[in-house]
Amino acid sequence: MISTRYDSENNIIYLSHNGEVDINDAKKMLRMLKNKYNHLDYVYLLEDSRKSSFTFSISEIPILIKAVKENLYGILEVRHADIVSSPLDTAISFIYGQLVNPIRNYKYRAFSTEEAAIAWLKKGIYFQK
């Protein structure tokens, strides 16, 4: 199950999900975010992955990166903070973060606490105005 909540005061989209998440689920989440929040120039996404397990393989990450580029095109800045809890999710997140690093308008980091994730999100351009 996927749920989102937009905090307009802080310009943060809260995304949570539970259960297994495969590559198709991840692509669906990206499309849903694009359709629901396409009016935003700055997207600050706080994803809570602690109750989920990602079932896609490292070899499928390029598919996900392509979907990120397609669905976030035209947004000035996307900062994606992901709260993870297991060592495996942390490792996968690190690899993913390195692979998406060349995308100019998209920054990704994994965190173990919501507080640290929000602090990083608030370093975005929108908050520097």
N, C-alpha and C. Protein backbone atom coordinates (compact mmCIF):
# COMPACT_ATOMS: atom_id res chain seq x y z
N MET A 1 0.83 -1.18 0.00
CA MET A 1 0.00 0.00 0.00
C MET A 1 0.88 1.25 0.00
N ILE A 2 0.50 2.22 -0.83
CA ILE A 2 1.24 3.46 -0.96
C ILE A 2 0.35 4.60 -0.48
N SER A 3 0.91 5.48 0.33
CA SER A 3 0.16 6.66 0.73
C SER A 3 1.07 7.88 0.65
N THR A 4 0.45 9.01 0.31
CA THR A 4 1.19 10.27 0.25
C THR A 4 0.42 11.33 1.01
N ARG A 5 1.19 12.29 1.49
CA ARG A 5 0.62 13.44 2.17
C ARG A 5 1.52 14.63 1.85
N TYR A 6 0.90 15.73 1.45
CA TYR A 6 1.67 16.92 1.12
C TYR A 6 1.57 17.94 2.24
N ASP A 7 2.71 18.33 2.78
CA ASP A 7 2.78 19.36 3.80
C ASP A 7 3.12 20.67 3.08
N SER A 8 2.09 21.46 2.77
CA SER A 8 2.30 22.68 1.98
C SER A 8 3.10 23.73 2.74
N GLU A 9 3.03 23.72 4.05
CA GLU A 9 3.79 24.68 4.84
C GLU A 9 5.29 24.48 4.68
N ASN A 10 5.72 23.24 4.62
CA ASN A 10 7.14 22.92 4.48
C ASN A 10 7.52 22.44 3.08
N ASN A 11 6.53 22.35 2.19
CA ASN A 11 6.75 21.91 0.82
C ASN A 11 7.39 20.51 0.75
N ILE A 12 6.93 19.62 1.62
CA ILE A 12 7.46 18.26 1.66
C ILE A 12 6.34 17.27 1.37
N ILE A 13 6.64 16.33 0.49
CA ILE A 13 5.72 15.23 0.19
C ILE A 13 6.17 14.04 1.01
N TYR A 14 5.28 13.53 1.84
CA TYR A 14 5.56 12.33 2.64
C TYR A 14 5.01 11.13 1.89
N LEU A 15 5.86 10.17 1.64
CA LEU A 15 5.49 8.96 0.92
C LEU A 15 5.81 7.76 1.81
N SER A 16 4.82 6.91 2.00
CA SER A 16 5.08 5.68 2.77
C SER A 16 4.47 4.51 2.04
N HIS A 17 5.06 3.36 2.25
CA HIS A 17 4.57 2.13 1.65
C HIS A 17 4.99 0.97 2.54
N ASN A 18 4.31 -0.14 2.38
CA ASN A 18 4.70 -1.33 3.13
C ASN A 18 4.55 -2.56 2.26
N GLY A 19 5.24 -3.60 2.66
CA GLY A 19 5.25 -4.83 1.88
C GLY A 19 6.36 -4.82 0.85
N GLU A 20 6.27 -5.74 -0.09
CA GLU A 20 7.29 -5.86 -1.12
C GLU A 20 7.07 -4.81 -2.21
N VAL A 21 8.17 -4.24 -2.67
CA VAL A 21 8.14 -3.25 -3.74
C VAL A 21 9.04 -3.75 -4.86
N ASP A 22 8.44 -4.04 -6.02
CA ASP A 22 9.25 -4.46 -7.16
C ASP A 22 9.47 -3.28 -8.10
N ILE A 23 10.14 -3.51 -9.19
CA ILE A 23 10.48 -2.42 -10.12
C ILE A 23 9.22 -1.77 -10.69
N ASN A 24 8.19 -2.57 -10.96
CA ASN A 24 6.95 -2.00 -11.49
C ASN A 24 6.25 -1.12 -10.45
N ASP A 25 6.29 -1.53 -9.18
CA ASP A 25 5.72 -0.70 -8.11
C ASP A 25 6.46 0.63 -8.01
N ALA A 26 7.78 0.58 -8.11
CA ALA A 26 8.59 1.80 -8.02
C ALA A 26 8.25 2.74 -9.18
N LYS A 27 8.09 2.20 -10.38
CA LYS A 27 7.73 3.02 -11.53
C LYS A 27 6.32 3.60 -11.37
N LYS A 28 5.40 2.84 -10.80
CA LYS A 28 4.05 3.33 -10.54
C LYS A 28 4.08 4.49 -9.54
N MET A 29 4.92 4.36 -8.51
CA MET A 29 5.05 5.44 -7.52
C MET A 29 5.53 6.73 -8.19
N LEU A 30 6.50 6.61 -9.09
CA LEU A 30 7.01 7.79 -9.79
C LEU A 30 5.93 8.44 -10.64
N ARG A 31 5.17 7.63 -11.38
CA ARG A 31 4.09 8.17 -12.20
C ARG A 31 3.02 8.85 -11.33
N MET A 32 2.69 8.22 -10.22
CA MET A 32 1.69 8.78 -9.31
C MET A 32 2.17 10.12 -8.76
N LEU A 33 3.43 10.21 -8.38
CA LEU A 33 3.97 11.48 -7.89
C LEU A 33 3.92 12.55 -8.96
N LYS A 34 4.28 12.17 -10.19
CA LYS A 34 4.24 13.13 -11.30
C LYS A 34 2.82 13.63 -11.52
N ASN A 35 1.86 12.73 -11.55
CA ASN A 35 0.48 13.11 -11.83
C ASN A 35 -0.14 13.93 -10.70
N LYS A 36 0.20 13.60 -9.48
CA LYS A 36 -0.41 14.25 -8.32
C LYS A 36 0.24 15.59 -7.96
N TYR A 37 1.54 15.71 -8.22
CA TYR A 37 2.28 16.89 -7.77
C TYR A 37 2.98 17.62 -8.93
N ASN A 38 2.45 17.51 -10.13
CA ASN A 38 3.12 18.11 -11.29
C ASN A 38 3.09 19.64 -11.28
N HIS A 39 2.35 20.23 -10.37
CA HIS A 39 2.28 21.69 -10.27
C HIS A 39 3.46 22.28 -9.48
N LEU A 40 4.26 21.44 -8.86
CA LEU A 40 5.38 21.92 -8.03
C LEU A 40 6.65 22.09 -8.86
N ASP A 41 7.35 23.18 -8.64
CA ASP A 41 8.66 23.39 -9.28
C ASP A 41 9.79 22.75 -8.47
N TYR A 42 9.55 22.63 -7.16
CA TYR A 42 10.55 22.05 -6.26
C TYR A 42 9.87 20.91 -5.52
N VAL A 43 10.43 19.72 -5.63
CA VAL A 43 9.83 18.55 -4.99
C VAL A 43 10.79 18.05 -3.92
N TYR A 44 10.28 18.02 -2.69
CA TYR A 44 11.06 17.51 -1.57
C TYR A 44 10.29 16.30 -1.04
N LEU A 45 10.85 15.14 -1.29
CA LEU A 45 10.17 13.88 -1.03
C LEU A 45 10.81 13.18 0.16
N LEU A 46 9.99 12.88 1.15
CA LEU A 46 10.44 12.12 2.31
C LEU A 46 9.76 10.76 2.24
N GLU A 47 10.53 9.76 1.84
CA GLU A 47 10.02 8.40 1.65
C GLU A 47 10.37 7.56 2.87
N ASP A 48 9.38 6.89 3.42
CA ASP A 48 9.61 5.99 4.55
C ASP A 48 9.57 4.55 4.03
N SER A 49 10.73 3.94 3.92
CA SER A 49 10.87 2.58 3.38
C SER A 49 11.06 1.54 4.47
N ARG A 50 10.91 1.93 5.72
CA ARG A 50 11.23 1.01 6.82
C ARG A 50 10.31 -0.20 6.89
N LYS A 51 9.09 -0.10 6.39
CA LYS A 51 8.16 -1.23 6.43
C LYS A 51 8.06 -1.94 5.09
N SER A 52 9.03 -1.68 4.22
CA SER A 52 9.02 -2.25 2.87
C SER A 52 10.28 -3.06 2.63
N SER A 53 10.18 -3.92 1.66
CA SER A 53 11.37 -4.60 1.18
C SER A 53 11.38 -4.49 -0.34
N PHE A 54 12.49 -4.02 -0.85
CA PHE A 54 12.62 -3.86 -2.29
C PHE A 54 13.04 -5.20 -2.90
N THR A 55 12.29 -5.62 -3.89
CA THR A 55 12.55 -6.93 -4.48
C THR A 55 13.19 -6.84 -5.85
N PHE A 56 13.48 -5.61 -6.31
CA PHE A 56 14.15 -5.53 -7.60
C PHE A 56 15.64 -5.68 -7.40
N SER A 57 16.31 -6.11 -8.46
CA SER A 57 17.74 -6.39 -8.38
C SER A 57 18.56 -5.16 -8.75
N ILE A 58 19.82 -5.23 -8.45
CA ILE A 58 20.74 -4.16 -8.81
C ILE A 58 20.73 -3.93 -10.32
N SER A 59 20.57 -5.00 -11.09
CA SER A 59 20.57 -4.87 -12.55
C SER A 59 19.34 -4.12 -13.06
N GLU A 60 18.29 -3.99 -12.23
CA GLU A 60 17.09 -3.25 -12.64
C GLU A 60 17.16 -1.77 -12.27
N ILE A 61 18.17 -1.37 -11.55
CA ILE A 61 18.28 0.04 -11.15
C ILE A 61 18.35 0.97 -12.36
N PRO A 62 19.05 0.62 -13.46
CA PRO A 62 19.02 1.52 -14.62
C PRO A 62 17.61 1.77 -15.17
N ILE A 63 16.72 0.79 -15.05
CA ILE A 63 15.33 0.97 -15.46
C ILE A 63 14.67 2.02 -14.57
N LEU A 64 14.96 1.94 -13.28
CA LEU A 64 14.41 2.90 -12.34
C LEU A 64 14.97 4.30 -12.60
N ILE A 65 16.24 4.40 -12.90
CA ILE A 65 16.86 5.69 -13.19
C ILE A 65 16.22 6.32 -14.42
N LYS A 66 15.97 5.53 -15.44
CA LYS A 66 15.30 6.03 -16.65
C LYS A 66 13.91 6.57 -16.29
N ALA A 67 13.18 5.85 -15.45
CA ALA A 67 11.85 6.29 -15.02
C ALA A 67 11.93 7.58 -14.21
N VAL A 68 12.96 7.72 -13.38
CA VAL A 68 13.16 8.95 -12.61
C VAL A 68 13.33 10.12 -13.58
N LYS A 69 14.19 9.96 -14.55
CA LYS A 69 14.44 11.04 -15.52
C LYS A 69 13.16 11.42 -16.27
N GLU A 70 12.40 10.41 -16.69
CA GLU A 70 11.18 10.67 -17.46
C GLU A 70 10.10 11.35 -16.62
N ASN A 71 9.93 10.93 -15.39
CA ASN A 71 8.83 11.43 -14.57
C ASN A 71 9.15 12.72 -13.83
N LEU A 72 10.41 13.05 -13.69
CA LEU A 72 10.78 14.26 -12.97
C LEU A 72 11.31 15.35 -13.89
N TYR A 73 11.18 15.12 -15.20
CA TYR A 73 11.62 16.10 -16.19
C TYR A 73 10.84 17.41 -16.01
N GLY A 74 11.54 18.52 -16.05
CA GLY A 74 10.89 19.82 -15.96
C GLY A 74 10.80 20.38 -14.55
N ILE A 75 11.09 19.58 -13.55
CA ILE A 75 11.09 20.07 -12.17
C ILE A 75 12.46 20.68 -11.91
N LEU A 76 12.48 21.85 -11.29
CA LEU A 76 13.75 22.55 -11.08
C LEU A 76 14.67 21.81 -10.11
N GLU A 77 14.10 21.28 -9.02
CA GLU A 77 14.92 20.54 -8.06
C GLU A 77 14.08 19.46 -7.40
N VAL A 78 14.66 18.28 -7.31
CA VAL A 78 14.05 17.17 -6.57
C VAL A 78 15.08 16.71 -5.55
N ARG A 79 14.67 16.72 -4.29
CA ARG A 79 15.50 16.14 -3.22
C ARG A 79 14.69 15.00 -2.64
N HIS A 80 15.26 13.83 -2.64
CA HIS A 80 14.58 12.60 -2.25
C HIS A 80 15.32 12.00 -1.06
N ALA A 81 14.70 12.11 0.10
CA ALA A 81 15.26 11.53 1.33
C ALA A 81 14.51 10.23 1.61
N ASP A 82 15.24 9.17 1.80
CA ASP A 82 14.65 7.85 2.01
C ASP A 82 15.05 7.34 3.39
N ILE A 83 14.07 7.02 4.21
CA ILE A 83 14.35 6.49 5.54
C ILE A 83 14.37 4.98 5.43
N VAL A 84 15.51 4.38 5.74
CA VAL A 84 15.69 2.93 5.64
C VAL A 84 16.13 2.39 7.00
N SER A 85 15.97 1.08 7.16
CA SER A 85 16.31 0.53 8.47
C SER A 85 17.27 -0.65 8.43
N SER A 86 17.38 -1.33 7.31
CA SER A 86 18.24 -2.52 7.30
C SER A 86 19.58 -2.22 6.62
N PRO A 87 20.61 -2.97 6.96
CA PRO A 87 21.91 -2.79 6.31
C PRO A 87 21.84 -3.02 4.79
N LEU A 88 21.02 -3.99 4.36
CA LEU A 88 20.88 -4.25 2.92
C LEU A 88 20.25 -3.06 2.21
N ASP A 89 19.18 -2.51 2.78
CA ASP A 89 18.54 -1.33 2.17
C ASP A 89 19.50 -0.15 2.15
N THR A 90 20.31 0.00 3.18
CA THR A 90 21.29 1.08 3.22
C THR A 90 22.31 0.90 2.09
N ALA A 91 22.77 -0.32 1.88
CA ALA A 91 23.74 -0.59 0.81
C ALA A 91 23.13 -0.33 -0.57
N ILE A 92 21.91 -0.81 -0.78
CA ILE A 92 21.25 -0.59 -2.07
C ILE A 92 21.02 0.90 -2.29
N SER A 93 20.63 1.60 -1.23
CA SER A 93 20.41 3.04 -1.33
C SER A 93 21.69 3.78 -1.70
N PHE A 94 22.80 3.35 -1.13
CA PHE A 94 24.08 3.97 -1.44
C PHE A 94 24.42 3.79 -2.92
N ILE A 95 24.24 2.57 -3.43
CA ILE A 95 24.52 2.29 -4.84
C ILE A 95 23.60 3.13 -5.73
N TYR A 96 22.32 3.14 -5.39
CA TYR A 96 21.35 3.93 -6.15
C TYR A 96 21.75 5.41 -6.14
N GLY A 97 22.12 5.92 -4.99
CA GLY A 97 22.52 7.31 -4.88
C GLY A 97 23.71 7.66 -5.77
N GLN A 98 24.66 6.76 -5.86
CA GLN A 98 25.81 6.98 -6.73
C GLN A 98 25.42 6.98 -8.20
N LEU A 99 24.48 6.11 -8.56
CA LEU A 99 24.06 6.00 -9.96
C LEU A 99 23.20 7.19 -10.42
N VAL A 100 22.43 7.76 -9.52
CA VAL A 100 21.58 8.90 -9.90
C VAL A 100 22.29 10.24 -9.73
N ASN A 101 23.46 10.23 -9.15
CA ASN A 101 24.21 11.46 -8.91
C ASN A 101 24.37 12.35 -10.15
N PRO A 102 24.57 11.78 -11.35
CA PRO A 102 24.72 12.63 -12.54
C PRO A 102 23.44 13.37 -12.97
N ILE A 103 22.27 12.98 -12.47
CA ILE A 103 21.04 13.67 -12.85
C ILE A 103 21.06 15.05 -12.20
N ARG A 104 21.06 16.07 -13.03
CA ARG A 104 21.27 17.45 -12.57
C ARG A 104 20.25 17.93 -11.54
N ASN A 105 18.99 17.64 -11.72
CA ASN A 105 17.95 18.20 -10.83
C ASN A 105 17.48 17.23 -9.75
N TYR A 106 18.16 16.09 -9.60
CA TYR A 106 17.70 15.05 -8.67
C TYR A 106 18.81 14.68 -7.70
N LYS A 107 18.53 14.84 -6.42
CA LYS A 107 19.48 14.44 -5.38
C LYS A 107 18.81 13.43 -4.46
N TYR A 108 19.54 12.40 -4.10
CA TYR A 108 19.00 11.31 -3.29
C TYR A 108 19.96 10.99 -2.14
N ARG A 109 19.39 10.76 -0.96
CA ARG A 109 20.17 10.27 0.18
C ARG A 109 19.30 9.41 1.06
N ALA A 110 19.90 8.44 1.70
CA ALA A 110 19.21 7.57 2.64
C ALA A 110 19.55 8.00 4.06
N PHE A 111 18.58 7.84 4.94
CA PHE A 111 18.73 8.25 6.34
C PHE A 111 18.14 7.18 7.25
N SER A 112 18.54 7.24 8.50
CA SER A 112 17.97 6.31 9.48
C SER A 112 16.91 6.99 10.35
N THR A 113 16.86 8.32 10.32
CA THR A 113 15.85 9.04 11.11
C THR A 113 15.13 10.08 10.27
N GLU A 114 13.88 10.34 10.63
CA GLU A 114 13.09 11.36 9.94
C GLU A 114 13.67 12.75 10.16
N GLU A 115 14.16 13.01 11.35
CA GLU A 115 14.72 14.32 11.66
C GLU A 115 15.90 14.67 10.75
N ALA A 116 16.81 13.73 10.58
CA ALA A 116 17.98 13.96 9.72
C ALA A 116 17.54 14.13 8.26
N ALA A 117 16.55 13.36 7.85
CA ALA A 117 16.06 13.46 6.48
C ALA A 117 15.44 14.84 6.22
N ILE A 118 14.63 15.32 7.14
CA ILE A 118 13.99 16.63 6.98
C ILE A 118 15.04 17.74 6.97
N ALA A 119 16.03 17.63 7.83
CA ALA A 119 17.10 18.65 7.87
C ALA A 119 17.81 18.73 6.51
N TRP A 120 18.05 17.59 5.88
CA TRP A 120 18.71 17.57 4.57
C TRP A 120 17.77 18.14 3.49
N LEU A 121 16.49 17.76 3.53
CA LEU A 121 15.54 18.29 2.56
C LEU A 121 15.48 19.81 2.62
N LYS A 122 15.58 20.35 3.81
CA LYS A 122 15.45 21.80 3.99
C LYS A 122 16.71 22.57 3.58
N LYS A 123 17.68 21.86 3.03
CA LYS A 123 18.85 22.52 2.46
C LYS A 123 18.65 22.79 0.96
N GLY A 124 17.44 22.47 0.46
CA GLY A 124 17.14 22.67 -0.95
C GLY A 124 16.98 24.13 -1.33
N ILE A 125 16.96 24.37 -2.63
CA ILE A 125 16.86 25.73 -3.19
C ILE A 125 15.61 26.45 -2.69
N TYR A 126 14.48 25.77 -2.62
CA TYR A 126 13.22 26.37 -2.21
C TYR A 126 13.35 27.05 -0.85
N PHE A 127 14.09 26.45 0.05
CA PHE A 127 14.24 26.97 1.41
C PHE A 127 15.28 28.07 1.51
N GLN A 128 16.05 28.26 0.46
CA GLN A 128 17.11 29.26 0.46
C GLN A 128 16.63 30.61 -0.09
N LYS A 129 15.40 30.66 -0.55
CA LYS A 129 14.85 31.90 -1.12
C LYS A 129 14.72 32.98 -0.08
